[in-house]
PDB file of N, CA and C in Angstrom:
ATOM      1  N   UNK A   1     -17.117  -2.150   7.881  1.00  0.00           N
ATOM      2  CA  UNK A   1     -15.560  -2.144   7.807  1.00  0.00           C
ATOM      3  C   UNK A   1     -15.099  -1.727   6.502  1.00  0.00           C
ATOM      4  N   UNK A   2     -14.200  -0.708   6.595  1.00  0.00           N
ATOM      5  CA  UNK A   2     -13.815  -0.221   5.393  1.00  0.00           C
ATOM      6  C   UNK A   2     -12.704  -1.276   4.704  1.00  0.00           C
ATOM      7  N   UNK A   3     -12.641  -1.288   3.327  1.00  0.00           N
ATOM      8  CA  UNK A   3     -11.743  -2.190   2.797  1.00  0.00           C
ATOM      9  C   UNK A   3     -10.864  -1.432   1.739  1.00  0.00           C
ATOM     10  N   UNK A   4      -9.764  -1.909   1.422  1.00  0.00           N
ATOM     11  CA  UNK A   4      -8.853  -1.220   0.481  1.00  0.00           C
ATOM     12  C   UNK A   4      -9.389  -1.227  -0.931  1.00  0.00           C
ATOM     13  N   UNK A   5     -10.121  -2.269  -1.338  1.00  0.00           N
ATOM     14  CA  UNK A   5     -10.656  -2.312  -2.631  1.00  0.00           C
ATOM     15  C   UNK A   5     -11.625  -3.403  -2.631  1.00  0.00           C
ATOM     16  N   UNK A   6     -12.576  -3.457  -3.686  1.00  0.00           N
ATOM     17  CA  UNK A   6     -13.608  -4.496  -3.786  1.00  0.00           C
ATOM     18  C   UNK A   6     -13.053  -5.767  -4.480  1.00  0.00           C
ATOM     19  N   UNK A   7     -13.714  -6.784  -4.410  1.00  0.00           N
ATOM     20  CA  UNK A   7     -13.246  -7.980  -5.094  1.00  0.00           C
ATOM     21  C   UNK A   7     -12.820  -9.066  -4.230  1.00  0.00           C
ATOM     22  N   UNK A   8     -12.289 -10.096  -4.744  1.00  0.00           N
ATOM     23  CA  UNK A   8     -11.882 -11.302  -3.983  1.00  0.00           C
ATOM     24  C   UNK A   8     -10.557 -11.116  -3.224  1.00  0.00           C
ATOM     25  N   UNK A   9      -9.761  -9.989  -3.553  1.00  0.00           N
ATOM     26  CA  UNK A   9      -8.576  -9.820  -2.787  1.00  0.00           C
ATOM     27  C   UNK A   9      -8.635  -8.635  -1.878  1.00  0.00           C
ATOM     28  N   UNK A  10      -9.868  -8.118  -1.521  1.00  0.00           N
ATOM     29  CA  UNK A  10      -9.983  -6.934  -0.596  1.00  0.00           C
ATOM     30  C   UNK A  10      -9.409  -7.214   0.797  1.00  0.00           C
ATOM     31  N   UNK A  11      -8.717  -6.314   1.301  1.00  0.00           N
ATOM     32  CA  UNK A  11      -8.106  -6.302   2.613  1.00  0.00           C
ATOM     33  C   UNK A  11      -8.664  -5.290   3.587  1.00  0.00           C
ATOM     34  N   UNK A  12      -9.180  -5.697   4.732  1.00  0.00           N
ATOM     35  CA  UNK A  12      -9.804  -4.723   5.618  1.00  0.00           C
ATOM     36  C   UNK A  12      -8.682  -3.698   6.122  1.00  0.00           C
ATOM     37  N   UNK A  13      -9.247  -2.512   6.331  1.00  0.00           N
ATOM     38  CA  UNK A  13      -8.280  -1.428   6.777  1.00  0.00           C
ATOM     39  C   UNK A  13      -7.539  -1.692   8.042  1.00  0.00           C
ATOM     40  N   UNK A  14      -8.114  -2.348   8.952  1.00  0.00           N
ATOM     41  CA  UNK A  14      -7.391  -2.613  10.208  1.00  0.00           C
ATOM     42  C   UNK A  14      -6.260  -3.661  10.016  1.00  0.00           C
ATOM     43  N   UNK A  15      -6.473  -4.543   9.057  1.00  0.00           N
ATOM     44  CA  UNK A  15      -5.404  -5.474   8.744  1.00  0.00           C
ATOM     45  C   UNK A  15      -4.175  -4.751   8.077  1.00  0.00           C
ATOM     46  N   UNK A  16      -4.537  -3.891   7.183  1.00  0.00           N
ATOM     47  CA  UNK A  16      -3.498  -2.956   6.493  1.00  0.00           C
ATOM     48  C   UNK A  16      -2.737  -2.311   7.582  1.00  0.00           C
ATOM     49  N   UNK A  17      -3.387  -1.689   8.521  1.00  0.00           N
ATOM     50  CA  UNK A  17      -2.703  -0.906   9.540  1.00  0.00           C
ATOM     51  C   UNK A  17      -1.912  -1.759  10.448  1.00  0.00           C
ATOM     52  N   UNK A  18      -2.369  -2.920  10.870  1.00  0.00           N
ATOM     53  CA  UNK A  18      -1.625  -3.920  11.627  1.00  0.00           C
ATOM     54  C   UNK A  18      -0.360  -4.373  10.969  1.00  0.00           C
ATOM     55  N   UNK A  19      -0.504  -4.699   9.723  1.00  0.00           N
ATOM     56  CA  UNK A  19       0.657  -5.255   8.984  1.00  0.00           C
ATOM     57  C   UNK A  19       1.632  -4.323   8.368  1.00  0.00           C
ATOM     58  N   UNK A  20       1.104  -3.131   8.098  1.00  0.00           N
ATOM     59  CA  UNK A  20       1.897  -2.055   7.334  1.00  0.00           C
ATOM     60  C   UNK A  20       2.136  -0.782   8.202  1.00  0.00           C
ATOM     61  N   UNK A  21       1.487  -0.668   9.382  1.00  0.00           N
ATOM     62  CA  UNK A  21       1.719   0.418  10.200  1.00  0.00           C
ATOM     63  C   UNK A  21       1.075   1.732   9.977  1.00  0.00           C
ATOM     64  N   UNK A  22       0.203   1.742   8.837  1.00  0.00           N
ATOM     65  CA  UNK A  22      -0.479   2.924   8.467  1.00  0.00           C
ATOM     66  C   UNK A  22      -1.804   2.623   7.915  1.00  0.00           C
ATOM     67  N   UNK A  23      -2.834   3.452   7.898  1.00  0.00           N
ATOM     68  CA  UNK A  23      -4.121   3.119   7.363  1.00  0.00           C
ATOM     69  C   UNK A  23      -4.025   3.168   5.906  1.00  0.00           C
ATOM     70  N   UNK A  24      -5.056   2.641   5.299  1.00  0.00           N
ATOM     71  CA  UNK A  24      -5.197   2.696   3.831  1.00  0.00           C
ATOM     72  C   UNK A  24      -5.155   4.012   3.320  1.00  0.00           C
ATOM     73  N   UNK A  25      -5.832   4.983   4.002  1.00  0.00           N
ATOM     74  CA  UNK A  25      -5.871   6.457   3.575  1.00  0.00           C
ATOM     75  C   UNK A  25      -4.492   6.979   3.564  1.00  0.00           C
ATOM     76  N   UNK A  26      -3.637   6.685   4.581  1.00  0.00           N
ATOM     77  CA  UNK A  26      -2.323   7.205   4.606  1.00  0.00           C
ATOM     78  C   UNK A  26      -1.431   6.667   3.511  1.00  0.00           C
ATOM     79  N   UNK A  27      -1.561   5.327   3.260  1.00  0.00           N
ATOM     80  CA  UNK A  27      -0.905   4.667   2.114  1.00  0.00           C
ATOM     81  C   UNK A  27      -1.212   5.175   0.808  1.00  0.00           C
ATOM     82  N   UNK A  28      -2.517   5.466   0.651  1.00  0.00           N
ATOM     83  CA  UNK A  28      -3.059   6.063  -0.621  1.00  0.00           C
ATOM     84  C   UNK A  28      -2.309   7.486  -0.795  1.00  0.00           C
ATOM     85  N   UNK A  29      -2.249   8.250   0.220  1.00  0.00           N
ATOM     86  CA  UNK A  29      -1.687   9.447   0.076  1.00  0.00           C
ATOM     87  C   UNK A  29      -0.178   9.454  -0.242  1.00  0.00           C
ATOM     88  N   UNK A  30       0.555   8.525   0.314  1.00  0.00           N
ATOM     89  CA  UNK A  30       1.963   8.210   0.064  1.00  0.00           C
ATOM     90  C   UNK A  30       2.096   8.012  -1.350  1.00  0.00           C
ATOM     91  N   UNK A  31       1.228   7.042  -1.755  1.00  0.00           N
ATOM     92  CA  UNK A  31       1.363   6.508  -3.204  1.00  0.00           C
ATOM     93  C   UNK A  31       0.936   7.508  -4.223  1.00  0.00           C
ATOM     94  N   UNK A  32       0.036   8.426  -3.882  1.00  0.00           N
ATOM     95  CA  UNK A  32      -0.384   9.422  -4.734  1.00  0.00           C
ATOM     96  C   UNK A  32       0.796  10.450  -4.936  1.00  0.00           C
ATOM     97  N   UNK A  33       1.435  10.726  -3.812  1.00  0.00           N
ATOM     98  CA  UNK A  33       2.548  11.641  -3.893  1.00  0.00           C
ATOM     99  C   UNK A  33       3.757  11.095  -4.729  1.00  0.00           C
ATOM    100  N   UNK A  34       3.968   9.788  -4.513  1.00  0.00           N
ATOM    101  CA  UNK A  34       4.968   8.992  -5.331  1.00  0.00           C
ATOM    102  C   UNK A  34       4.655   8.889  -6.774  1.00  0.00           C
ATOM    103  N   UNK A  35       3.376   9.150  -7.124  1.00  0.00           N
ATOM    104  CA  UNK A  35       2.915   9.020  -8.558  1.00  0.00           C
ATOM    105  C   UNK A  35       2.970   7.486  -8.949  1.00  0.00           C
ATOM    106  N   UNK A  36       2.170   6.655  -8.310  1.00  0.00           N
ATOM    107  CA  UNK A  36       2.249   5.226  -8.440  1.00  0.00           C
ATOM    108  C   UNK A  36       1.875   4.932  -9.926  1.00  0.00           C
ATOM    109  N   UNK A  37       0.877   5.677 -10.602  1.00  0.00           N
ATOM    110  CA  UNK A  37       0.552   5.415 -11.942  1.00  0.00           C
ATOM    111  C   UNK A  37       1.720   5.614 -12.913  1.00  0.00           C
ATOM    112  N   UNK A  38       2.469   6.656 -12.714  1.00  0.00           N
ATOM    113  CA  UNK A  38       3.631   6.925 -13.537  1.00  0.00           C
ATOM    114  C   UNK A  38       4.796   6.006 -13.346  1.00  0.00           C
ATOM    115  N   UNK A  39       5.010   5.535 -11.999  1.00  0.00           N
ATOM    116  CA  UNK A  39       6.126   4.712 -11.816  1.00  0.00           C
ATOM    117  C   UNK A  39       5.844   3.236 -11.959  1.00  0.00           C
ATOM    118  N   UNK A  40       4.631   2.789 -11.947  1.00  0.00           N
ATOM    119  CA  UNK A  40       4.230   1.405 -12.181  1.00  0.00           C
ATOM    120  C   UNK A  40       4.410   0.554 -11.026  1.00  0.00           C
ATOM    121  N   UNK A  41       4.014  -0.641 -11.034  1.00  0.00           N
ATOM    122  CA  UNK A  41       3.979  -1.495  -9.923  1.00  0.00           C
ATOM    123  C   UNK A  41       5.450  -1.877  -9.469  1.00  0.00           C
ATOM    124  N   UNK A  42       6.283  -2.276 -10.327  1.00  0.00           N
ATOM    125  CA  UNK A  42       7.722  -2.739  -9.936  1.00  0.00           C
ATOM    126  C   UNK A  42       8.422  -1.671  -9.260  1.00  0.00           C
ATOM    127  N   UNK A  43       8.497  -0.450  -9.751  1.00  0.00           N
ATOM    128  CA  UNK A  43       9.204   0.611  -9.165  1.00  0.00           C
ATOM    129  C   UNK A  43       8.561   1.081  -7.821  1.00  0.00           C
ATOM    130  N   UNK A  44       7.233   0.936  -7.739  1.00  0.00           N
ATOM    131  CA  UNK A  44       6.435   1.312  -6.553  1.00  0.00           C
ATOM    132  C   UNK A  44       6.817   0.394  -5.434  1.00  0.00           C
ATOM    133  N   UNK A  45       6.797  -0.903  -5.791  1.00  0.00           N
ATOM    134  CA  UNK A  45       7.042  -1.935  -4.756  1.00  0.00           C
ATOM    135  C   UNK A  45       8.619  -1.776  -4.219  1.00  0.00           C
ATOM    136  N   UNK A  46       9.462  -1.484  -5.190  1.00  0.00           N
ATOM    137  CA  UNK A  46      10.795  -1.265  -4.725  1.00  0.00           C
ATOM    138  C   UNK A  46      10.955  -0.022  -3.802  1.00  0.00           C
ATOM    139  N   UNK A  47      10.170   0.951  -4.111  1.00  0.00           N
ATOM    140  CA  UNK A  47      10.230   2.241  -3.340  1.00  0.00           C
ATOM    141  C   UNK A  47       9.608   1.878  -1.979  1.00  0.00           C
ATOM    142  N   UNK A  48       8.548   1.229  -1.901  1.00  0.00           N
ATOM    143  CA  UNK A  48       7.909   0.927  -0.573  1.00  0.00           C
ATOM    144  C   UNK A  48       8.827   0.041   0.288  1.00  0.00           C
ATOM    145  N   UNK A  49       9.563  -0.920  -0.302  1.00  0.00           N
ATOM    146  CA  UNK A  49      10.450  -1.773   0.387  1.00  0.00           C
ATOM    147  C   UNK A  49      11.609  -0.987   0.991  1.00  0.00           C
ATOM    148  N   UNK A  50      12.242  -0.108   0.093  1.00  0.00           N
ATOM    149  CA  UNK A  50      13.311   0.553   0.495  1.00  0.00           C
ATOM    150  C   UNK A  50      12.953   1.763   1.496  1.00  0.00           C
ATOM    151  N   UNK A  51      11.945   2.539   1.242  1.00  0.00           N
ATOM    152  CA  UNK A  51      11.741   3.683   1.984  1.00  0.00           C
ATOM    153  C   UNK A  51      10.932   3.394   3.314  1.00  0.00           C
ATOM    154  N   UNK A  52      10.139   2.328   3.264  1.00  0.00           N
ATOM    155  CA  UNK A  52       9.240   1.940   4.463  1.00  0.00           C
ATOM    156  C   UNK A  52       9.494   0.509   5.014  1.00  0.00           C
ATOM    157  N   UNK A  53      10.401  -0.159   4.491  1.00  0.00           N
ATOM    158  CA  UNK A  53      10.796  -1.483   5.007  1.00  0.00           C
ATOM    159  C   UNK A  53       9.731  -2.528   4.804  1.00  0.00           C
ATOM    160  N   UNK A  54       8.796  -2.344   3.814  1.00  0.00           N
ATOM    161  CA  UNK A  54       7.761  -3.391   3.661  1.00  0.00           C
ATOM    162  C   UNK A  54       8.236  -4.467   2.851  1.00  0.00           C
ATOM    163  N   UNK A  55       7.747  -5.716   3.200  1.00  0.00           N
ATOM    164  CA  UNK A  55       8.118  -6.921   2.423  1.00  0.00           C
ATOM    165  C   UNK A  55       7.511  -6.889   1.106  1.00  0.00           C
ATOM    166  N   UNK A  56       8.007  -7.695   0.221  1.00  0.00           N
ATOM    167  CA  UNK A  56       7.512  -7.791  -1.188  1.00  0.00           C
ATOM    168  C   UNK A  56       5.955  -8.016  -1.145  1.00  0.00           C
ATOM    169  N   UNK A  57       5.507  -8.865  -0.263  1.00  0.00           N
ATOM    170  CA  UNK A  57       4.188  -9.184  -0.054  1.00  0.00           C
ATOM    171  C   UNK A  57       3.174  -7.919   0.150  1.00  0.00           C
ATOM    172  N   UNK A  58       3.643  -7.064   0.997  1.00  0.00           N
ATOM    173  CA  UNK A  58       2.798  -5.878   1.233  1.00  0.00           C
ATOM    174  C   UNK A  58       3.172  -4.722   0.349  1.00  0.00           C
ATOM    175  N   UNK A  59       4.353  -4.702  -0.273  1.00  0.00           N
ATOM    176  CA  UNK A  59       4.710  -3.636  -1.021  1.00  0.00           C
ATOM    177  C   UNK A  59       3.914  -3.798  -2.382  1.00  0.00           C
TER     178      UNK A  59
END
């Protein structure tokens, strides 16, 4: 089963898709286009909430 990352907070891809409506790969592409490294966590979370309607937990 694919996971979004390794470690104690890993989330399976099917859970990401169920909760967020897109696969991990699609979210990675969206975040790469958004330049998550340049924008940082706070701006990225706000962007995901505003543009995709994600809750703070999933953003």
